[in-house]
C-alpha atoms as a PDB file:
ATOM      1  CA  MET A   1       0.057  -0.003   0.286  1.00  0.00           C
ATOM      2  CA  THR A   2       1.725   3.283  -0.991  1.00  0.00           C
ATOM      3  CA  GLY A   3       1.332   6.436   1.254  1.00  0.00           C
ATOM      4  CA  LEU A   4      -0.331   8.523  -1.524  1.00  0.00           C
ATOM      5  CA  PHE A   5      -3.058   5.709  -2.116  1.00  0.00           C
ATOM      6  CA  ASP A   6      -3.166   5.338   1.961  1.00  0.00           C
ATOM      7  CA  ARG A   7      -3.680   9.315   2.466  1.00  0.00           C
ATOM      8  CA  GLY A   8      -6.345   9.391  -0.302  1.00  0.00           C
ATOM      9  CA  LEU A   9      -8.561   6.719   0.876  1.00  0.00           C
ATOM     10  CA  ARG A  10      -8.010   7.756   4.128  1.00  0.00           C
ATOM     11  CA  ALA A  11      -9.091  11.101   3.441  1.00  0.00           C
ATOM     12  CA  LEU A  12     -12.181  10.183   1.087  1.00  0.00           C
ATOM     13  CA  ALA A  13     -13.123   8.046   3.843  1.00  0.00           C
ATOM     14  CA  TRP A  14     -12.896  10.879   6.224  1.00  0.00           C
ATOM     15  CA  ALA A  15     -14.948  13.005   4.110  1.00  0.00           C
ATOM     16  CA  ILE A  16     -17.707  10.131   3.579  1.00  0.00           C
ATOM     17  CA  PHE A  17     -17.957   9.421   7.337  1.00  0.00           C
ATOM     18  CA  THR A  18     -17.860  12.569   8.963  1.00  0.00           C
ATOM     19  CA  VAL A  19     -21.166  13.748   6.598  1.00  0.00           C
ATOM     20  CA  PHE A  20     -22.988  11.042   7.404  1.00  0.00           C
ATOM     21  CA  HIS A  21     -21.516   9.935  10.855  1.00  0.00           C
ATOM     22  CA  ASP A  22     -20.463  12.014  13.768  1.00  0.00           C
ATOM     23  CA  ILE A  23     -17.412  11.118  14.655  1.00  0.00           C
ATOM     24  CA  ASP A  24     -15.751  12.132  17.817  1.00  0.00           C
ATOM     25  CA  ILE A  25     -12.150  10.498  18.281  1.00  0.00           C
ATOM     26  CA  GLU A  26     -10.741  10.531  21.943  1.00  0.00           C
ATOM     27  CA  GLY A  27      -7.162   9.519  22.799  1.00  0.00           C
ATOM     28  CA  ALA A  28      -5.406   8.696  19.540  1.00  0.00           C
ATOM     29  CA  GLU A  29      -1.585  10.332  20.947  1.00  0.00           C
ATOM     30  CA  ASN A  30      -2.095   6.686  23.317  1.00  0.00           C
ATOM     31  CA  VAL A  31      -1.157   4.932  20.220  1.00  0.00           C
ATOM     32  CA  PRO A  32       2.994   5.556  19.373  1.00  0.00           C
ATOM     33  CA  ALA A  33       3.853   6.787  16.898  1.00  0.00           C
ATOM     34  CA  ASP A  34       5.959   4.135  15.383  1.00  0.00           C
ATOM     35  CA  GLY A  35       6.976   0.771  15.774  1.00  0.00           C
ATOM     36  CA  ALA A  36       4.704  -2.424  16.634  1.00  0.00           C
ATOM     37  CA  VAL A  37       0.942  -1.770  18.279  1.00  0.00           C
ATOM     38  CA  ILE A  38      -1.510  -3.771  18.604  1.00  0.00           C
ATOM     39  CA  VAL A  39      -4.728  -1.947  18.576  1.00  0.00           C
ATOM     40  CA  ALA A  40      -7.832  -4.229  20.719  1.00  0.00           C
ATOM     41  CA  GLY A  41     -11.573  -3.053  20.221  1.00  0.00           C
ATOM     42  CA  ASN A  42     -14.944  -4.079  20.521  1.00  0.00           C
ATOM     43  CA  HIS A  43     -17.000  -5.115  17.591  1.00  0.00           C
ATOM     44  CA  PRO A  44     -20.537  -3.570  17.845  1.00  0.00           C
ATOM     45  CA  SER A  45     -20.389  -3.060  13.603  1.00  0.00           C
ATOM     46  CA  TYR A  46     -19.313  -3.547  10.168  1.00  0.00           C
ATOM     47  CA  LEU A  47     -17.571  -0.299  10.802  1.00  0.00           C
ATOM     48  CA  ASP A  48     -15.464  -0.581  13.138  1.00  0.00           C
ATOM     49  CA  PRO A  49     -12.280  -1.395  11.096  1.00  0.00           C
ATOM     50  CA  VAL A  50     -12.795   2.035   9.571  1.00  0.00           C
ATOM     51  CA  TYR A  51     -13.996   3.918  12.894  1.00  0.00           C
ATOM     52  CA  VAL A  52     -10.792   3.035  14.034  1.00  0.00           C
ATOM     53  CA  SER A  53      -8.776   3.761  11.466  1.00  0.00           C
ATOM     54  CA  LEU A  54     -10.187   7.189  10.863  1.00  0.00           C
ATOM     55  CA  GLY A  55      -8.753   8.316  14.185  1.00  0.00           C
ATOM     56  CA  LEU A  56      -5.224   7.138  13.553  1.00  0.00           C
ATOM     57  CA  LYS A  57      -2.078   8.426  11.358  1.00  0.00           C
ATOM     58  CA  ARG A  58      -1.005   5.270  10.794  1.00  0.00           C
ATOM     59  CA  PRO A  59      -2.421   2.495   8.475  1.00  0.00           C
ATOM     60  CA  VAL A  60      -4.149  -0.167  10.591  1.00  0.00           C
ATOM     61  CA  ARG A  61      -3.854  -3.874   9.633  1.00  0.00           C
ATOM     62  CA  PHE A  62      -6.882  -6.404  10.465  1.00  0.00           C
ATOM     63  CA  LEU A  63      -7.727  -9.560   9.698  1.00  0.00           C
ATOM     64  CA  ALA A  64     -10.897 -10.045   7.788  1.00  0.00           C
ATOM     65  CA  TRP A  65     -13.270 -12.094   6.510  1.00  0.00           C
ATOM     66  CA  GLU A  66     -12.229 -13.539   3.272  1.00  0.00           C
ATOM     67  CA  LYS A  67     -15.834 -13.280   1.299  1.00  0.00           C
ATOM     68  CA  PRO A  68     -15.714  -9.514   0.355  1.00  0.00           C
ATOM     69  CA  PHE A  69     -11.998 -10.201  -1.217  1.00  0.00           C
ATOM     70  CA  GLN A  70     -13.855 -12.226  -3.677  1.00  0.00           C
ATOM     71  CA  VAL A  71     -16.297  -9.253  -4.666  1.00  0.00           C
ATOM     72  CA  PRO A  72     -14.482  -7.456  -7.577  1.00  0.00           C
ATOM     73  CA  ILE A  73     -13.259  -3.855  -7.102  1.00  0.00           C
ATOM     74  CA  LEU A  74     -14.013  -4.181  -3.477  1.00  0.00           C
ATOM     75  CA  GLY A  75     -12.024  -7.046  -2.816  1.00  0.00           C
ATOM     76  CA  ASP A  76      -8.619  -4.918  -4.487  1.00  0.00           C
ATOM     77  CA  LEU A  77      -9.800  -2.254  -2.622  1.00  0.00           C
ATOM     78  CA  ILE A  78      -9.219  -3.711   0.713  1.00  0.00           C
ATOM     79  CA  ARG A  79      -6.595  -6.126  -0.367  1.00  0.00           C
ATOM     80  CA  ARG A  80      -4.700  -2.551  -1.305  1.00  0.00           C
ATOM     81  CA  TYR A  81      -5.447  -1.241   2.244  1.00  0.00           C
ATOM     82  CA  GLY A  82      -3.590  -3.616   4.102  1.00  0.00           C
ATOM     83  CA  ALA A  83      -6.600  -6.113   4.998  1.00  0.00           C
ATOM     84  CA  ILE A  84      -5.760  -9.941   5.211  1.00  0.00           C
ATOM     85  CA  PRO A  85      -7.948 -12.116   4.230  1.00  0.00           C
ATOM     86  CA  VAL A  86      -9.432 -14.793   6.552  1.00  0.00           C
ATOM     87  CA  ASN A  87     -11.470 -18.027   6.918  1.00  0.00           C
ATOM     88  CA  THR A  88     -13.820 -17.618   9.856  1.00  0.00           C
ATOM     89  CA  ASP A  89     -14.757 -20.880   9.642  1.00  0.00           C
ATOM     90  CA  ARG A  90     -11.411 -22.114   9.865  1.00  0.00           C
ATOM     91  CA  PRO A  91      -9.062 -19.720  11.536  1.00  0.00           C
ATOM     92  CA  GLY A  92      -6.036 -21.561  11.926  1.00  0.00           C
ATOM     93  CA  ARG A  93      -2.546 -21.013  12.271  1.00  0.00           C
ATOM     94  CA  ALA A  94      -1.882 -19.063   9.185  1.00  0.00           C
ATOM     95  CA  SER A  95      -3.851 -16.172  10.295  1.00  0.00           C
ATOM     96  CA  PHE A  96      -2.158 -16.373  13.745  1.00  0.00           C
ATOM     97  CA  GLU A  97       1.039 -15.654  11.528  1.00  0.00           C
ATOM     98  CA  SER A  98       0.140 -13.430   9.204  1.00  0.00           C
ATOM     99  CA  ALA A  99      -0.610 -11.050  12.070  1.00  0.00           C
ATOM    100  CA  VAL A 100       2.691 -11.928  14.077  1.00  0.00           C
ATOM    101  CA  LYS A 101       3.927 -10.748  10.665  1.00  0.00           C
ATOM    102  CA  VAL A 102       2.668  -7.196  10.547  1.00  0.00           C
ATOM    103  CA  LEU A 103       4.029  -7.013  13.850  1.00  0.00           C
ATOM    104  CA  ARG A 104       7.489  -7.954  14.152  1.00  0.00           C
ATOM    105  CA  GLU A 105       7.198  -5.651  10.451  1.00  0.00           C
ATOM    106  CA  GLY A 106       7.103  -2.755  13.157  1.00  0.00           C
ATOM    107  CA  GLU A 107       3.087  -2.003  11.625  1.00  0.00           C
ATOM    108  CA  VAL A 108      -0.196  -1.295  13.844  1.00  0.00           C
ATOM    109  CA  PHE A 109      -2.978  -4.848  13.622  1.00  0.00           C
ATOM    110  CA  GLY A 110      -5.626  -4.066  14.519  1.00  0.00           C
ATOM    111  CA  ILE A 111      -7.785  -7.336  16.054  1.00  0.00           C
ATOM    112  CA  PHE A 112     -11.161  -7.418  17.647  1.00  0.00           C
ATOM    113  CA  PRO A 113     -10.860  -9.777  20.183  1.00  0.00           C
ATOM    114  CA  GLU A 114     -14.613 -11.119  20.325  1.00  0.00           C
ATOM    115  CA  GLY A 115     -14.115 -12.823  16.971  1.00  0.00           C
ATOM    116  CA  GLY A 116     -17.201 -11.718  15.855  1.00  0.00           C
ATOM    117  CA  ARG A 117     -19.666  -8.891  16.368  1.00  0.00           C
ATOM    118  CA  SER A 118     -21.544  -8.351  19.342  1.00  0.00           C
ATOM    119  CA  ASP A 119     -25.238  -9.236  19.641  1.00  0.00           C
ATOM    120  CA  PHE A 120     -26.561  -6.446  21.997  1.00  0.00           C
ATOM    121  CA  GLY A 121     -23.565  -3.966  21.633  1.00  0.00           C
ATOM    122  CA  VAL A 122     -22.187  -5.409  24.777  1.00  0.00           C
ATOM    123  CA  MET A 123     -18.870  -7.163  24.324  1.00  0.00           C
ATOM    124  CA  ASN A 124     -18.734 -11.151  24.278  1.00  0.00           C
ATOM    125  CA  PRO A 125     -16.265 -12.737  26.053  1.00  0.00           C
ATOM    126  CA  PHE A 126     -12.867 -12.088  24.593  1.00  0.00           C
ATOM    127  CA  LYS A 127     -10.680 -15.043  22.718  1.00  0.00           C
ATOM    128  CA  SER A 128      -6.697 -15.106  24.216  1.00  0.00           C
ATOM    129  CA  GLY A 129      -5.323 -14.016  20.504  1.00  0.00           C
ATOM    130  CA  VAL A 130      -4.440 -10.388  21.772  1.00  0.00           C
ATOM    131  CA  ALA A 131      -2.538 -11.629  25.059  1.00  0.00           C
ATOM    132  CA  ARG A 132      -0.827 -14.528  22.753  1.00  0.00           C
ATOM    133  CA  LEU A 133      -0.013 -12.219  19.757  1.00  0.00           C
ATOM    134  CA  ALA A 134       1.037  -9.487  22.623  1.00  0.00           C
ATOM    135  CA  LEU A 135       3.280 -12.035  24.737  1.00  0.00           C
ATOM    136  CA  MET A 136       4.715 -13.353  21.530  1.00  0.00           C
ATOM    137  CA  THR A 137       6.121 -10.283  19.601  1.00  0.00           C
ATOM    138  CA  GLY A 138       6.239  -7.596  22.787  1.00  0.00           C
ATOM    139  CA  ALA A 139       4.173  -5.220  20.960  1.00  0.00           C
ATOM    140  CA  PRO A 140       1.909  -3.001  23.523  1.00  0.00           C
ATOM    141  CA  ILE A 141      -1.708  -3.577  23.462  1.00  0.00           C
ATOM    142  CA  VAL A 142      -3.657   0.295  22.785  1.00  0.00           C
ATOM    143  CA  PRO A 143      -7.359  -0.790  24.244  1.00  0.00           C
ATOM    144  CA  VAL A 144      -9.876   1.100  22.215  1.00  0.00           C
ATOM    145  CA  THR A 145     -13.652   1.574  22.623  1.00  0.00           C
ATOM    146  CA  ILE A 146     -16.198   1.784  20.271  1.00  0.00           C
ATOM    147  CA  ARG A 147     -19.698   3.642  21.429  1.00  0.00           C
ATOM    148  CA  GLY A 148     -22.786   4.198  19.400  1.00  0.00           C
ATOM    149  CA  ALA A 149     -21.695   2.081  16.541  1.00  0.00           C
ATOM    150  CA  PHE A 150     -23.775  -0.479  17.697  1.00  0.00           C
ATOM    151  CA  ARG A 151     -26.697   1.931  17.188  1.00  0.00           C
ATOM    152  CA  VAL A 152     -25.849   2.919  14.140  1.00  0.00           C
ATOM    153  CA  TRP A 153     -25.376  -0.596  12.558  1.00  0.00           C
ATOM    154  CA  PRO A 154     -26.598  -3.604  14.704  1.00  0.00           C
ATOM    155  CA  LYS A 155     -25.729  -6.760  13.081  1.00  0.00           C
ATOM    156  CA  TYR A 156     -29.349  -7.797  12.439  1.00  0.00           C
ATOM    157  CA  GLN A 157     -29.775  -4.004  10.486  1.00  0.00           C
ATOM    158  CA  LEU A 158     -29.782  -4.125   6.631  1.00  0.00           C
ATOM    159  CA  LEU A 159     -28.013  -1.081   6.249  1.00  0.00           C
ATOM    160  CA  PRO A 160     -26.127   2.245   8.656  1.00  0.00           C
ATOM    161  CA  ARG A 161     -28.171   4.704   9.993  1.00  0.00           C
ATOM    162  CA  PRO A 162     -26.634   8.354  11.066  1.00  0.00           C
ATOM    163  CA  GLY A 163     -25.691   8.577  14.671  1.00  0.00           C
ATOM    164  CA  TYR A 164     -23.154   9.561  17.073  1.00  0.00           C
ATOM    165  CA  VAL A 165     -19.978   7.695  16.899  1.00  0.00           C
ATOM    166  CA  LYS A 166     -17.422   8.058  19.522  1.00  0.00           C
ATOM    167  CA  VAL A 167     -13.983   5.964  19.931  1.00  0.00           C
ATOM    168  CA  ILE A 168     -11.697   6.101  22.802  1.00  0.00           C
ATOM    169  CA  PHE A 169      -7.870   4.959  22.544  1.00  0.00           C
ATOM    170  CA  HIS A 170      -7.025   4.248  26.047  1.00  0.00           C
ATOM    171  CA  GLU A 171      -3.798   3.936  27.093  1.00  0.00           C
ATOM    172  CA  PRO A 172      -1.154   1.086  26.579  1.00  0.00           C
ATOM    173  CA  ILE A 173      -0.777  -1.610  28.434  1.00  0.00           C
ATOM    174  CA  ARG A 174       2.582  -3.606  28.100  1.00  0.00           C
ATOM    175  CA  VAL A 175       3.413  -7.021  28.409  1.00  0.00           C
ATOM    176  CA  ASP A 176       5.953  -9.089  29.704  1.00  0.00           C
ATOM    177  CA  PRO A 177       7.287 -11.486  26.729  1.00  0.00           C
ATOM    178  CA  ASP A 178       9.265 -13.524  29.590  1.00  0.00           C
ATOM    179  CA  ALA A 179       5.328 -14.568  30.749  1.00  0.00           C
ATOM    180  CA  ARG A 180       4.927 -16.252  27.165  1.00  0.00           C
ATOM    181  CA  ARG A 181       4.453 -19.945  28.190  1.00  0.00           C
ATOM    182  CA  ASP A 182       2.178 -18.690  31.918  1.00  0.00           C
ATOM    183  CA  ARG A 183      -1.433 -19.143  30.813  1.00  0.00           C
ATOM    184  CA  GLU A 184      -2.953 -16.905  34.045  1.00  0.00           C
ATOM    185  CA  TYR A 185      -0.402 -14.194  33.152  1.00  0.00           C
ATOM    186  CA  GLU A 186      -2.380 -14.626  29.692  1.00  0.00           C
ATOM    187  CA  LYS A 187      -5.912 -14.793  31.037  1.00  0.00           C
ATOM    188  CA  LYS A 188      -5.001 -11.400  33.232  1.00  0.00           C
ATOM    189  CA  VAL A 189      -4.007  -9.730  30.347  1.00  0.00           C
ATOM    190  CA  VAL A 190      -6.722 -10.171  28.283  1.00  0.00           C
ATOM    191  CA  GLU A 191      -9.438  -9.348  31.635  1.00  0.00           C
ATOM    192  CA  ARG A 192      -7.264  -6.207  31.572  1.00  0.00           C
ATOM    193  CA  VAL A 193      -8.092  -4.811  27.890  1.00  0.00           C
ATOM    194  CA  MET A 194     -11.846  -6.151  28.276  1.00  0.00           C
ATOM    195  CA  GLU A 195     -11.799  -3.726  31.417  1.00  0.00           C
ATOM    196  CA  ALA A 196     -10.147  -0.710  29.865  1.00  0.00           C
ATOM    197  CA  ILE A 197     -12.621  -0.857  26.898  1.00  0.00           C
ATOM    198  CA  ASN A 198     -15.549  -1.210  29.195  1.00  0.00           C
ATOM    199  CA  THR A 199     -14.679   1.408  31.552  1.00  0.00           C
ATOM    200  CA  SER A 200     -16.092   3.926  28.774  1.00  0.00           C
ATOM    201  CA  LEU A 201     -18.165   1.022  27.193  1.00  0.00           C
ATOM    202  CA  LEU A 202     -21.049   0.328  29.459  1.00  0.00           C
ATOM    203  CA  PRO A 203     -21.802   3.584  30.793  1.00  0.00           C
ATOM    204  CA  GLY A 204     -22.297   4.788  27.036  1.00  0.00           C
ATOM    205  CA  LEU A 205     -24.823   2.010  26.526  1.00  0.00           C
ATOM    206  CA  ARG A 206     -26.795   2.836  29.711  1.00  0.00           C
ATOM    207  CA  LYS A 207     -27.054   6.349  27.987  1.00  0.00           C
ATOM    208  CA  GLU A 208     -28.152   5.045  24.393  1.00  0.00           C
ATOM    209  CA  MET A 209     -30.454   2.539  26.191  1.00  0.00           C
ATOM    210  CA  ARG A 210     -32.659   5.410  27.904  1.00  0.00           C
ATOM    211  CA  GLU A 211     -32.608   8.072  24.553  1.00  0.00           C
ATOM    212  CA  GLU A 212     -33.618   4.590  22.749  1.00  0.00           C
ATOM    213  CA  SER A 213     -36.514   3.956  25.632  1.00  0.00           C
ATOM    214  CA  ILE A 214     -37.434   7.762  24.691  1.00  0.00           C
ATOM    215  CA  TYR A 215     -37.613   7.825  21.228  1.00  0.00           C
ATOM    216  CA  PHE A 216     -39.222   4.370  20.791  1.00  0.00           C
ATOM    217  CA  ASN A 217     -41.633   3.810  23.732  1.00  0.00           C
ATOM    218  CA  ALA A 218     -41.920   6.965  26.152  1.00  0.00           C
ATOM    219  CA  ARG A 219     -43.372  10.070  25.506  1.00  0.00           C
ATOM    220  CA  VAL A 220     -40.601  12.970  25.262  1.00  0.00           C
ATOM    221  CA  PRO A 221     -41.377  15.570  27.461  1.00  0.00           C
ATOM    222  CA  TRP A 222     -42.429  19.481  26.095  1.00  0.00           C
ATOM    223  CA  THR A 223     -40.058  21.414  26.982  1.00  0.00           C
ATOM    224  CA  TRP A 224     -38.760  25.387  26.798  1.00  0.00           C
ATOM    225  CA  THR A 225     -36.034  24.867  24.712  1.00  0.00           C
ATOM    226  CA  SER A 226     -38.381  23.780  21.768  1.00  0.00           C
ATOM    227  CA  ASP A 227     -42.080  23.634  22.624  1.00  0.00           C
ATOM    228  CA  PHE A 228     -42.990  26.972  24.016  1.00  0.00           C
ATOM    229  CA  ILE A 229     -40.635  29.221  22.494  1.00  0.00           C
ATOM    230  CA  PRO A 230     -43.532  29.862  19.331  1.00  0.00           C
ATOM    231  CA  TYR A 231     -45.802  30.495  22.431  1.00  0.00           C
ATOM    232  CA  LEU A 232     -43.323  32.985  23.895  1.00  0.00           C
ATOM    233  CA  PHE A 233     -43.275  34.843  20.349  1.00  0.00           C
ATOM    234  CA  LEU A 234     -47.084  34.900  20.001  1.00  0.00           C
ATOM    235  CA  VAL A 235     -47.345  36.905  23.404  1.00  0.00           C
ATOM    236  CA  ALA A 236     -44.681  39.220  22.832  1.00  0.00           C
ATOM    237  CA  VAL A 237     -46.290  39.963  19.377  1.00  0.00           C
ATOM    238  CA  GLY A 238     -49.658  40.405  21.079  1.00  0.00           C
ATOM    239  CA  ALA A 239     -48.609  42.848  23.512  1.00  0.00           C
ATOM    240  CA  SER A 240     -46.658  44.795  21.522  1.00  0.00           C
ATOM    241  CA  ALA A 241     -49.603  45.077  19.066  1.00  0.00           C
ATOM    242  CA  ARG A 242     -51.653  46.006  21.864  1.00  0.00           C
ATOM    243  CA  LEU A 243     -49.657  48.890  23.112  1.00  0.00           C
ATOM    244  CA  ARG A 244     -50.262  49.966  19.621  1.00  0.00           C
ATOM    245  CA  GLY A 245     -53.916  49.772  19.497  1.00  0.00           C
ATOM    246  CA  ALA A 246     -53.271  47.295  16.553  1.00  0.00           C
ATOM    247  CA  ALA A 247     -54.315  43.347  16.305  1.00  0.00           C
ATOM    248  CA  PRO A 248     -51.769  40.471  15.468  1.00  0.00           C
ATOM    249  CA  PRO A 249     -51.253  39.546  12.112  1.00  0.00           C
ATOM    250  CA  ALA A 250     -54.153  37.095  11.273  1.00  0.00           C
ATOM    251  CA  PHE A 251     -51.969  34.440   9.657  1.00  0.00           C
ATOM    252  CA  LEU A 252     -49.884  34.288  13.162  1.00  0.00           C
ATOM    253  CA  ILE A 253     -53.186  33.583  14.936  1.00  0.00           C
ATOM    254  CA  PHE A 254     -53.624  30.793  12.068  1.00  0.00           C
ATOM    255  CA  TRP A 255     -50.511  29.115  12.664  1.00  0.00           C
ATOM    256  CA  MET A 256     -50.058  29.013  15.897  1.00  0.00           C
ATOM    257  CA  ALA A 257     -53.731  27.508  16.323  1.00  0.00           C
ATOM    258  CA  ALA A 258     -52.213  24.731  14.009  1.00  0.00           C
ATOM    259  CA  TYR A 259     -49.364  24.248  16.175  1.00  0.00           C
ATOM    260  CA  THR A 260     -51.430  23.884  19.586  1.00  0.00           C
ATOM    261  CA  ALA A 261     -53.480  21.112  17.619  1.00  0.00           C
ATOM    262  CA  TYR A 262     -50.867  18.990  16.540  1.00  0.00           C
ATOM    263  CA  LEU A 263     -49.205  19.312  20.324  1.00  0.00           C
ATOM    264  CA  ALA A 264     -52.472  18.541  21.470  1.00  0.00           C
ATOM    265  CA  ALA A 265     -52.574  15.057  19.050  1.00  0.00           C
ATOM    266  CA  ASP A 266     -49.250  14.421  20.027  1.00  0.00           C
ATOM    267  CA  GLY A 267     -49.725  14.614  23.647  1.00  0.00           C
ATOM    268  CA  LEU A 268     -52.842  12.387  23.018  1.00  0.00           C
ATOM    269  CA  LEU A 269     -51.562   9.887  20.833  1.00  0.00           C
ATOM    270  CA  ASN A 270     -47.906   9.653  21.707  1.00  0.00           C
ATOM    271  CA  PRO A 271     -46.984   8.061  18.573  1.00  0.00           C
ATOM    272  CA  PRO A 272     -43.824   5.686  19.084  1.00  0.00           C
ATOM    273  CA  GLY A 273     -41.025   5.766  16.261  1.00  0.00           C
ATOM    274  CA  ALA A 274     -38.393   7.934  15.907  1.00  0.00           C
ATOM    275  CA  TRP A 275     -39.929   9.606  13.181  1.00  0.00           C
ATOM    276  CA  ALA A 276     -42.603  10.668  15.224  1.00  0.00           C
ATOM    277  CA  LYS A 277     -40.362  11.841  18.060  1.00  0.00           C
ATOM    278  CA  GLY A 278     -37.557  13.842  15.800  1.00  0.00           C
ATOM    279  CA  LEU A 279     -40.663  15.590  13.878  1.00  0.00           C
ATOM    280  CA  ARG A 280     -41.633  17.243  17.779  1.00  0.00           C
ATOM    281  CA  GLN A 281     -38.507  18.596  17.846  1.00  0.00           C
ATOM    282  CA  ARG A 282     -38.487  19.682  14.869  1.00  0.00           C
ATOM    283  CA  MET A 283     -41.668  21.246  14.710  1.00  0.00           C
ATOM    284  CA  PRO A 284     -40.915  24.992  16.228  1.00  0.00           C
ATOM    285  CA  TRP A 285     -38.523  25.700  12.987  1.00  0.00           C
ATOM    286  CA  LEU A 286     -41.303  24.467  10.574  1.00  0.00           C
ATOM    287  CA  LEU A 287     -43.655  26.594  12.008  1.00  0.00           C
ATOM    288  CA  LEU A 288     -40.942  29.434  12.181  1.00  0.00           C
ATOM    289  CA  GLY A 289     -40.501  28.697   8.035  1.00  0.00           C
ATOM    290  CA  ALA A 290     -44.596  27.975   7.282  1.00  0.00           C
ATOM    291  CA  MET A 291     -44.805  31.812   9.049  1.00  0.00           C
ATOM    292  CA  ALA A 292     -42.228  33.687   7.305  1.00  0.00           C
ATOM    293  CA  VAL A 293     -43.190  31.924   3.874  1.00  0.00           C
ATOM    294  CA  GLN A 294     -46.502  32.560   4.036  1.00  0.00           C
ATOM    295  CA  GLU A 295     -46.001  36.253   4.535  1.00  0.00           C
ATOM    296  CA  GLY A 296     -43.928  36.613   1.784  1.00  0.00           C
ATOM    297  CA  GLY A 297     -46.630  35.218  -0.517  1.00  0.00           C
ATOM    298  CA  PHE A 298     -45.437  31.572  -1.024  1.00  0.00           C
ATOM    299  CA  SER A 299     -42.770  32.343  -4.059  1.00  0.00           C
ATOM    300  CA  PRO A 300     -41.130  29.799  -5.532  1.00  0.00           C
ATOM    301  CA  SER A 301     -37.755  31.105  -4.105  1.00  0.00           C
ATOM    302  CA  ALA A 302     -38.907  31.602  -0.840  1.00  0.00           C
ATOM    303  CA  VAL A 303     -40.680  28.056  -1.172  1.00  0.00           C
ATOM    304  CA  ALA A 304     -37.124  26.729  -2.487  1.00  0.00           C
ATOM    305  CA  GLY A 305     -34.911  28.440   0.430  1.00  0.00           C
ATOM    306  CA  LEU A 306     -37.329  27.250   3.335  1.00  0.00           C
ATOM    307  CA  ALA A 307     -37.019  23.641   1.739  1.00  0.00           C
ATOM    308  CA  ALA A 308     -33.414  24.063   1.251  1.00  0.00           C
ATOM    309  CA  GLY A 309     -33.111  25.258   4.871  1.00  0.00           C
ATOM    310  CA  TYR A 310     -35.435  22.018   6.265  1.00  0.00           C
ATOM    311  CA  PHE A 311     -32.975  20.122   4.559  1.00  0.00           C
ATOM    312  CA  ILE A 312     -29.933  21.218   6.299  1.00  0.00           C
ATOM    313  CA  LEU A 313     -31.965  21.760   9.110  1.00  0.00           C
ATOM    314  CA  ALA A 314     -32.897  17.577   8.859  1.00  0.00           C
ATOM    315  CA  TRP A 315     -28.993  16.423   7.962  1.00  0.00           C
ATOM    316  CA  TYR A 316     -27.650  18.645  11.440  1.00  0.00           C
ATOM    317  CA  ALA A 317     -30.180  16.987  13.577  1.00  0.00           C
ATOM    318  CA  ALA A 318     -29.617  13.485  12.280  1.00  0.00           C
ATOM    319  CA  PHE A 319     -25.948  13.985  11.684  1.00  0.00           C
ATOM    320  CA  ARG A 320     -24.761  15.984  14.626  1.00  0.00           C
ATOM    321  CA  PHE A 321     -27.409  15.272  17.101  1.00  0.00           C
ATOM    322  CA  GLN A 322     -25.494  16.340  20.022  1.00  0.00           C
ATOM    323  CA  GLU A 323     -24.389  19.561  18.393  1.00  0.00           C
ATOM    324  CA  PHE A 324     -28.046  20.135  17.648  1.00  0.00           C
ATOM    325  CA  LYS A 325     -29.547  18.945  21.240  1.00  0.00           C
ATOM    326  CA  ARG A 326     -26.971  21.828  23.168  1.00  0.00           C
ATOM    327  CA  ARG A 327     -27.842  24.635  20.551  1.00  0.00           C
ATOM    328  CA  ARG A 328     -31.228  24.432  19.507  1.00  0.00           C
ATOM    329  CA  GLY A 329     -32.983  26.246  22.464  1.00  0.00           C
ATOM    330  CA  PRO A 330     -30.843  29.385  21.860  1.00  0.00           C
ATOM    331  CA  ALA A 331     -30.539  29.303  18.073  1.00  0.00           C
ATOM    332  CA  LEU A 332     -34.529  28.989  17.705  1.00  0.00           C
ATOM    333  CA  LEU A 333     -34.593  31.550  20.367  1.00  0.00           C
ATOM    334  CA  ALA A 334     -32.578  33.919  18.296  1.00  0.00           C
ATOM    335  CA  LEU A 335     -34.404  33.333  14.891  1.00  0.00           C
ATOM    336  CA  TYR A 336     -38.061  33.688  16.410  1.00  0.00           C
ATOM    337  CA  ALA A 337     -36.646  36.979  18.025  1.00  0.00           C
ATOM    338  CA  LEU A 338     -35.406  38.256  14.688  1.00  0.00           C
ATOM    339  CA  TYR A 339     -38.594  37.178  13.614  1.00  0.00           C
ATOM    340  CA  PHE A 340     -40.145  39.166  16.096  1.00  0.00           C
ATOM    341  CA  VAL A 341     -37.969  42.022  15.507  1.00  0.00           C
ATOM    342  CA  HIS A 342     -39.474  42.060  12.151  1.00  0.00           C
ATOM    343  CA  VAL A 343     -42.853  41.783  12.777  1.00  0.00           C
ATOM    344  CA  LEU A 344     -42.546  44.437  15.108  1.00  0.00           C
ATOM    345  CA  GLN A 345     -41.310  47.074  12.362  1.00  0.00           C
ATOM    346  CA  SER A 346     -44.259  46.090  10.152  1.00  0.00           C
ATOM    347  CA  LEU A 347     -46.856  46.796  13.027  1.00  0.00           C
ATOM    348  CA  LEU A 348     -45.396  50.478  13.323  1.00  0.00           C
END
């Protein structure tokens, strides 16, 4: 694999995955800048090798299921990227020797000691190969936690969905090569790797389960940072109109009545699913856009602008949800305040 090819492929992967996923890398400095190193992580999704590689400046070699190597173009691509084909039904000694060869050449070797993707996000028991590799080659082990990837692409789902993924590289674990034949020591190394990964994996899984419960089952509570800001806007417009002896624009009353009816229906029916819950979070933005477009007379340019704005909002809310959640309240309040100033000028 040439350095130019590696850099180009890495840049392409980074562009694709940062558009379609919200990826956060932490602790990449824990991976040595040179020399042999084993990067060992949990394995919640098909995309884990990419998530791990995106966080590092050094190429990472992985053992990979042999079937994709038989697919035209894809097989050549992953082979050139340094993947090593392995028959997962009969991994055998050849695969282990290939891994040892990578490490003895001073490269980074990536491994998922579970031996397959996890079923529920929680790690399956680790196999001992990661410890044996370290003991045989003297390479340090850098545990890596991949959080959020199970929700993005669990093994029972056909295609990935957008979501927040965090990759955490932990401090290296160095082994004593003199304990190569000590099975108890080997077991302790495996336990240390699992413990390091679980320190940040388990809290993340608990948080994801709470969020899934809200999105798919529970009622999403109404909040001042989203649902009630339109009412603050209407009260401000009504008070300003009264002070000037005028009536609030009729179209504002119409849209606020429609918005109130929607919130009432949502509260009574409590529709399940992420789409229904997501619509609730975006409705104040849609309301603001609808009021602004109607005031402008539903011109083609205004409708096109509204559609483009909502497309950007939908992308941001889906692919950068953590940021959207932090910033939606202040941003929404600021936009309604600007629109209030505009309406106020029309009342003068």
